[in-house]
């Protein structure tokens, strides 16, 4: 059996994936830039579909 569910952004996501200086505060932005210098996962908005959860399991007979 397979289960799929969209990953939709919310306010919590934007604390790291939102706009610099708007949703992402200065201290967080500094740390993100240090840890992930090539990161492009920013400037997202609320209610955007950014991926999908996929869960599979074997159905017992």
PDB file of N, CA and C in Angstrom:
ATOM      1  N   UNK A   1       0.837  -1.166   0.000  1.00  0.00           N
ATOM      2  CA  UNK A   1       0.000   0.000   0.000  1.00  0.00           C
ATOM      3  C   UNK A   1       0.889   1.238   0.000  1.00  0.00           C
ATOM      4  N   UNK A   2       0.392   2.270  -0.615  1.00  0.00           N
ATOM      5  CA  UNK A   2       1.128   3.517  -0.693  1.00  0.00           C
ATOM      6  C   UNK A   2       0.258   4.669  -0.213  1.00  0.00           C
ATOM      7  N   UNK A   3       0.879   5.608   0.455  1.00  0.00           N
ATOM      8  CA  UNK A   3       0.203   6.803   0.936  1.00  0.00           C
ATOM      9  C   UNK A   3       1.029   8.013   0.502  1.00  0.00           C
ATOM     10  N   UNK A   4       0.384   9.013  -0.046  1.00  0.00           N
ATOM     11  CA  UNK A   4       1.054  10.224  -0.500  1.00  0.00           C
ATOM     12  C   UNK A   4       0.354  11.438   0.100  1.00  0.00           C
ATOM     13  N   UNK A   5       1.146  12.426   0.515  1.00  0.00           N
ATOM     14  CA  UNK A   5       0.573  13.639   1.088  1.00  0.00           C
ATOM     15  C   UNK A   5       1.488  14.811   0.753  1.00  0.00           C
ATOM     16  N   UNK A   6       0.953  15.910   0.272  1.00  0.00           N
ATOM     17  CA  UNK A   6       1.809  17.033  -0.124  1.00  0.00           C
ATOM     18  C   UNK A   6       2.455  17.718   1.081  1.00  0.00           C
ATOM     19  N   UNK A   7       3.662  18.214   0.884  1.00  0.00           N
ATOM     20  CA  UNK A   7       4.346  19.033   1.883  1.00  0.00           C
ATOM     21  C   UNK A   7       4.054  20.482   1.518  1.00  0.00           C
ATOM     22  N   UNK A   8       3.270  21.152   2.349  1.00  0.00           N
ATOM     23  CA  UNK A   8       2.835  22.519   2.080  1.00  0.00           C
ATOM     24  C   UNK A   8       3.468  23.435   3.122  1.00  0.00           C
ATOM     25  N   UNK A   9       4.058  24.530   2.671  1.00  0.00           N
ATOM     26  CA  UNK A   9       4.731  25.441   3.590  1.00  0.00           C
ATOM     27  C   UNK A   9       3.749  26.159   4.502  1.00  0.00           C
ATOM     28  N   UNK A  10       4.229  26.450   5.719  1.00  0.00           N
ATOM     29  CA  UNK A  10       3.459  27.229   6.688  1.00  0.00           C
ATOM     30  C   UNK A  10       4.412  28.235   7.340  1.00  0.00           C
ATOM     31  N   UNK A  11       3.933  28.971   8.302  1.00  0.00           N
ATOM     32  CA  UNK A  11       4.747  29.988   8.947  1.00  0.00           C
ATOM     33  C   UNK A  11       6.017  29.452   9.591  1.00  0.00           C
ATOM     34  N   UNK A  12       5.944  28.252  10.158  1.00  0.00           N
ATOM     35  CA  UNK A  12       7.126  27.662  10.780  1.00  0.00           C
ATOM     36  C   UNK A  12       8.221  27.390   9.742  1.00  0.00           C
ATOM     37  N   UNK A  13       7.840  26.922   8.571  1.00  0.00           N
ATOM     38  CA  UNK A  13       8.805  26.638   7.510  1.00  0.00           C
ATOM     39  C   UNK A  13       9.571  27.901   7.105  1.00  0.00           C
ATOM     40  N   UNK A  14       8.832  29.020   7.085  1.00  0.00           N
ATOM     41  CA  UNK A  14       9.411  30.267   6.594  1.00  0.00           C
ATOM     42  C   UNK A  14      10.456  30.844   7.533  1.00  0.00           C
ATOM     43  N   UNK A  15      10.554  30.349   8.750  1.00  0.00           N
ATOM     44  CA  UNK A  15      11.597  30.809   9.655  1.00  0.00           C
ATOM     45  C   UNK A  15      12.988  30.494   9.108  1.00  0.00           C
ATOM     46  N   UNK A  16      13.086  29.494   8.257  1.00  0.00           N
ATOM     47  CA  UNK A  16      14.355  29.155   7.599  1.00  0.00           C
ATOM     48  C   UNK A  16      14.284  29.266   6.081  1.00  0.00           C
ATOM     49  N   UNK A  17      13.075  29.158   5.516  1.00  0.00           N
ATOM     50  CA  UNK A  17      12.918  29.115   4.065  1.00  0.00           C
ATOM     51  C   UNK A  17      12.190  30.325   3.493  1.00  0.00           C
ATOM     52  N   UNK A  18      11.937  31.329   4.320  1.00  0.00           N
ATOM     53  CA  UNK A  18      11.247  32.534   3.865  1.00  0.00           C
ATOM     54  C   UNK A  18      12.224  33.559   3.316  1.00  0.00           C
ATOM     55  N   UNK A  19      11.843  34.811   3.410  1.00  0.00           N
ATOM     56  CA  UNK A  19      12.662  35.916   2.907  1.00  0.00           C
ATOM     57  C   UNK A  19      13.601  36.412   4.000  1.00  0.00           C
ATOM     58  N   UNK A  20      14.866  36.628   3.621  1.00  0.00           N
ATOM     59  CA  UNK A  20      15.855  37.170   4.553  1.00  0.00           C
ATOM     60  C   UNK A  20      15.409  38.553   5.014  1.00  0.00           C
ATOM     61  N   UNK A  21      15.483  38.779   6.335  1.00  0.00           N
ATOM     62  CA  UNK A  21      15.104  40.057   6.889  1.00  0.00           C
ATOM     63  C   UNK A  21      13.610  40.226   7.098  1.00  0.00           C
ATOM     64  N   UNK A  22      12.835  39.306   6.572  1.00  0.00           N
ATOM     65  CA  UNK A  22      11.386  39.357   6.768  1.00  0.00           C
ATOM     66  C   UNK A  22      10.981  38.197   7.674  1.00  0.00           C
ATOM     67  N   UNK A  23      10.933  36.988   7.145  1.00  0.00           N
ATOM     68  CA  UNK A  23      10.601  35.827   7.965  1.00  0.00           C
ATOM     69  C   UNK A  23      11.844  35.240   8.652  1.00  0.00           C
ATOM     70  N   UNK A  24      13.006  35.346   8.010  1.00  0.00           N
ATOM     71  CA  UNK A  24      14.244  34.800   8.581  1.00  0.00           C
ATOM     72  C   UNK A  24      14.957  35.911   9.344  1.00  0.00           C
ATOM     73  N   UNK A  25      15.104  35.735  10.665  1.00  0.00           N
ATOM     74  CA  UNK A  25      15.780  36.781  11.442  1.00  0.00           C
ATOM     75  C   UNK A  25      17.293  36.733  11.221  1.00  0.00           C
ATOM     76  N   UNK A  26      17.969  37.771  11.639  1.00  0.00           N
ATOM     77  CA  UNK A  26      19.402  37.921  11.382  1.00  0.00           C
ATOM     78  C   UNK A  26      20.268  36.806  11.920  1.00  0.00           C
ATOM     79  N   UNK A  27      20.014  36.370  13.163  1.00  0.00           N
ATOM     80  CA  UNK A  27      20.828  35.310  13.764  1.00  0.00           C
ATOM     81  C   UNK A  27      20.638  33.988  13.021  1.00  0.00           C
ATOM     82  N   UNK A  28      19.406  33.687  12.672  1.00  0.00           N
ATOM     83  CA  UNK A  28      19.126  32.454  11.928  1.00  0.00           C
ATOM     84  C   UNK A  28      19.759  32.512  10.553  1.00  0.00           C
ATOM     85  N   UNK A  29      19.631  33.633   9.878  1.00  0.00           N
ATOM     86  CA  UNK A  29      20.210  33.791   8.540  1.00  0.00           C
ATOM     87  C   UNK A  29      21.724  33.611   8.571  1.00  0.00           C
ATOM     88  N   UNK A  30      22.374  34.181   9.571  1.00  0.00           N
ATOM     89  CA  UNK A  30      23.819  34.046   9.706  1.00  0.00           C
ATOM     90  C   UNK A  30      24.220  32.587   9.855  1.00  0.00           C
ATOM     91  N   UNK A  31      23.497  31.862  10.686  1.00  0.00           N
ATOM     92  CA  UNK A  31      23.805  30.439  10.898  1.00  0.00           C
ATOM     93  C   UNK A  31      23.509  29.618   9.645  1.00  0.00           C
ATOM     94  N   UNK A  32      22.411  29.902   8.972  1.00  0.00           N
ATOM     95  CA  UNK A  32      22.090  29.187   7.727  1.00  0.00           C
ATOM     96  C   UNK A  32      23.166  29.408   6.675  1.00  0.00           C
ATOM     97  N   UNK A  33      23.619  30.647   6.540  1.00  0.00           N
ATOM     98  CA  UNK A  33      24.674  30.957   5.561  1.00  0.00           C
ATOM     99  C   UNK A  33      25.974  30.241   5.898  1.00  0.00           C
ATOM    100  N   UNK A  34      26.266  30.111   7.185  1.00  0.00           N
ATOM    101  CA  UNK A  34      27.479  29.415   7.625  1.00  0.00           C
ATOM    102  C   UNK A  34      27.390  27.913   7.332  1.00  0.00           C
ATOM    103  N   UNK A  35      26.241  27.317   7.690  1.00  0.00           N
ATOM    104  CA  UNK A  35      26.084  25.863   7.540  1.00  0.00           C
ATOM    105  C   UNK A  35      25.758  25.426   6.113  1.00  0.00           C
ATOM    106  N   UNK A  36      25.022  26.270   5.383  1.00  0.00           N
ATOM    107  CA  UNK A  36      24.556  25.905   4.041  1.00  0.00           C
ATOM    108  C   UNK A  36      24.837  27.058   3.067  1.00  0.00           C
ATOM    109  N   UNK A  37      26.114  27.300   2.728  1.00  0.00           N
ATOM    110  CA  UNK A  37      26.454  28.464   1.905  1.00  0.00           C
ATOM    111  C   UNK A  37      25.853  28.447   0.494  1.00  0.00           C
ATOM    112  N   UNK A  38      25.531  27.295  -0.034  1.00  0.00           N
ATOM    113  CA  UNK A  38      24.984  27.203  -1.393  1.00  0.00           C
ATOM    114  C   UNK A  38      23.486  26.939  -1.404  1.00  0.00           C
ATOM    115  N   UNK A  39      22.833  27.072  -0.249  1.00  0.00           N
ATOM    116  CA  UNK A  39      21.407  26.782  -0.130  1.00  0.00           C
ATOM    117  C   UNK A  39      20.574  27.711  -1.009  1.00  0.00           C
ATOM    118  N   UNK A  40      19.631  27.138  -1.731  1.00  0.00           N
ATOM    119  CA  UNK A  40      18.730  27.920  -2.580  1.00  0.00           C
ATOM    120  C   UNK A  40      17.272  27.770  -2.137  1.00  0.00           C
ATOM    121  N   UNK A  41      17.063  27.164  -0.972  1.00  0.00           N
ATOM    122  CA  UNK A  41      15.704  26.903  -0.484  1.00  0.00           C
ATOM    123  C   UNK A  41      15.200  28.083   0.342  1.00  0.00           C
ATOM    124  N   UNK A  42      15.077  29.234  -0.320  1.00  0.00           N
ATOM    125  CA  UNK A  42      14.621  30.445   0.358  1.00  0.00           C
ATOM    126  C   UNK A  42      13.585  31.160  -0.493  1.00  0.00           C
ATOM    127  N   UNK A  43      12.985  32.168   0.107  1.00  0.00           N
ATOM    128  CA  UNK A  43      11.962  32.988  -0.553  1.00  0.00           C
ATOM    129  C   UNK A  43      10.695  32.209  -0.872  1.00  0.00           C
ATOM    130  N   UNK A  44      10.417  31.191  -0.053  1.00  0.00           N
ATOM    131  CA  UNK A  44       9.165  30.465  -0.188  1.00  0.00           C
ATOM    132  C   UNK A  44       8.040  31.316   0.394  1.00  0.00           C
ATOM    133  N   UNK A  45       6.811  30.967   0.062  1.00  0.00           N
ATOM    134  CA  UNK A  45       5.633  31.636   0.600  1.00  0.00           C
ATOM    135  C   UNK A  45       4.745  30.598   1.281  1.00  0.00           C
ATOM    136  N   UNK A  46       3.827  31.067   2.110  1.00  0.00           N
ATOM    137  CA  UNK A  46       2.881  30.166   2.784  1.00  0.00           C
ATOM    138  C   UNK A  46       1.978  29.503   1.747  1.00  0.00           C
ATOM    139  N   UNK A  47       1.669  28.238   1.992  1.00  0.00           N
ATOM    140  CA  UNK A  47       0.772  27.412   1.172  1.00  0.00           C
ATOM    141  C   UNK A  47       1.342  27.006  -0.178  1.00  0.00           C
ATOM    142  N   UNK A  48       2.667  27.000  -0.305  1.00  0.00           N
ATOM    143  CA  UNK A  48       3.281  26.459  -1.524  1.00  0.00           C
ATOM    144  C   UNK A  48       3.524  24.963  -1.337  1.00  0.00           C
ATOM    145  N   UNK A  49       3.268  24.192  -2.367  1.00  0.00           N
ATOM    146  CA  UNK A  49       3.605  22.772  -2.345  1.00  0.00           C
ATOM    147  C   UNK A  49       5.084  22.657  -2.697  1.00  0.00           C
ATOM    148  N   UNK A  50       5.883  22.120  -1.767  1.00  0.00           N
ATOM    149  CA  UNK A  50       7.332  22.046  -1.953  1.00  0.00           C
ATOM    150  C   UNK A  50       7.832  20.617  -2.065  1.00  0.00           C
ATOM    151  N   UNK A  51       6.952  19.638  -1.976  1.00  0.00           N
ATOM    152  CA  UNK A  51       7.362  18.245  -2.065  1.00  0.00           C
ATOM    153  C   UNK A  51       6.184  17.344  -1.725  1.00  0.00           C
ATOM    154  N   UNK A  52       6.498  16.063  -1.510  1.00  0.00           N
ATOM    155  CA  UNK A  52       5.444  15.108  -1.185  1.00  0.00           C
ATOM    156  C   UNK A  52       6.000  14.053  -0.235  1.00  0.00           C
ATOM    157  N   UNK A  53       5.198  13.711   0.767  1.00  0.00           N
ATOM    158  CA  UNK A  53       5.529  12.586   1.630  1.00  0.00           C
ATOM    159  C   UNK A  53       5.064  11.319   0.918  1.00  0.00           C
ATOM    160  N   UNK A  54       5.904  10.308   0.934  1.00  0.00           N
ATOM    161  CA  UNK A  54       5.559   9.031   0.327  1.00  0.00           C
ATOM    162  C   UNK A  54       5.851   7.941   1.357  1.00  0.00           C
ATOM    163  N   UNK A  55       4.802   7.227   1.754  1.00  0.00           N
ATOM    164  CA  UNK A  55       4.947   6.154   2.729  1.00  0.00           C
ATOM    165  C   UNK A  55       4.403   4.878   2.095  1.00  0.00           C
ATOM    166  N   UNK A  56       5.204   3.817   2.146  1.00  0.00           N
ATOM    167  CA  UNK A  56       4.805   2.524   1.577  1.00  0.00           C
ATOM    168  C   UNK A  56       4.935   1.449   2.629  1.00  0.00           C
ATOM    169  N   UNK A  57       4.029   0.510   2.627  1.00  0.00           N
ATOM    170  CA  UNK A  57       4.120  -0.631   3.514  1.00  0.00           C
ATOM    171  C   UNK A  57       3.455  -1.816   2.848  1.00  0.00           C
ATOM    172  N   UNK A  58       3.876  -2.996   3.306  1.00  0.00           N
ATOM    173  CA  UNK A  58       3.320  -4.232   2.776  1.00  0.00           C
ATOM    174  C   UNK A  58       2.016  -4.536   3.489  1.00  0.00           C
ATOM    175  N   UNK A  59       1.006  -4.857   2.733  1.00  0.00           N
ATOM    176  CA  UNK A  59      -0.286  -5.241   3.304  1.00  0.00           C
ATOM    177  C   UNK A  59      -0.234  -6.728   3.639  1.00  0.00           C
ATOM    178  N   UNK A  60      -0.583  -7.038   4.881  1.00  0.00           N
ATOM    179  CA  UNK A  60      -0.587  -8.444   5.281  1.00  0.00           C
ATOM    180  C   UNK A  60      -1.783  -9.157   4.656  1.00  0.00           C
ATOM    181  N   UNK A  61      -1.584 -10.418   4.299  1.00  0.00           N
ATOM    182  CA  UNK A  61      -2.662 -11.202   3.676  1.00  0.00           C
ATOM    183  C   UNK A  61      -3.718 -11.596   4.647  1.00  0.00           C
TER     184      UNK A  61
END
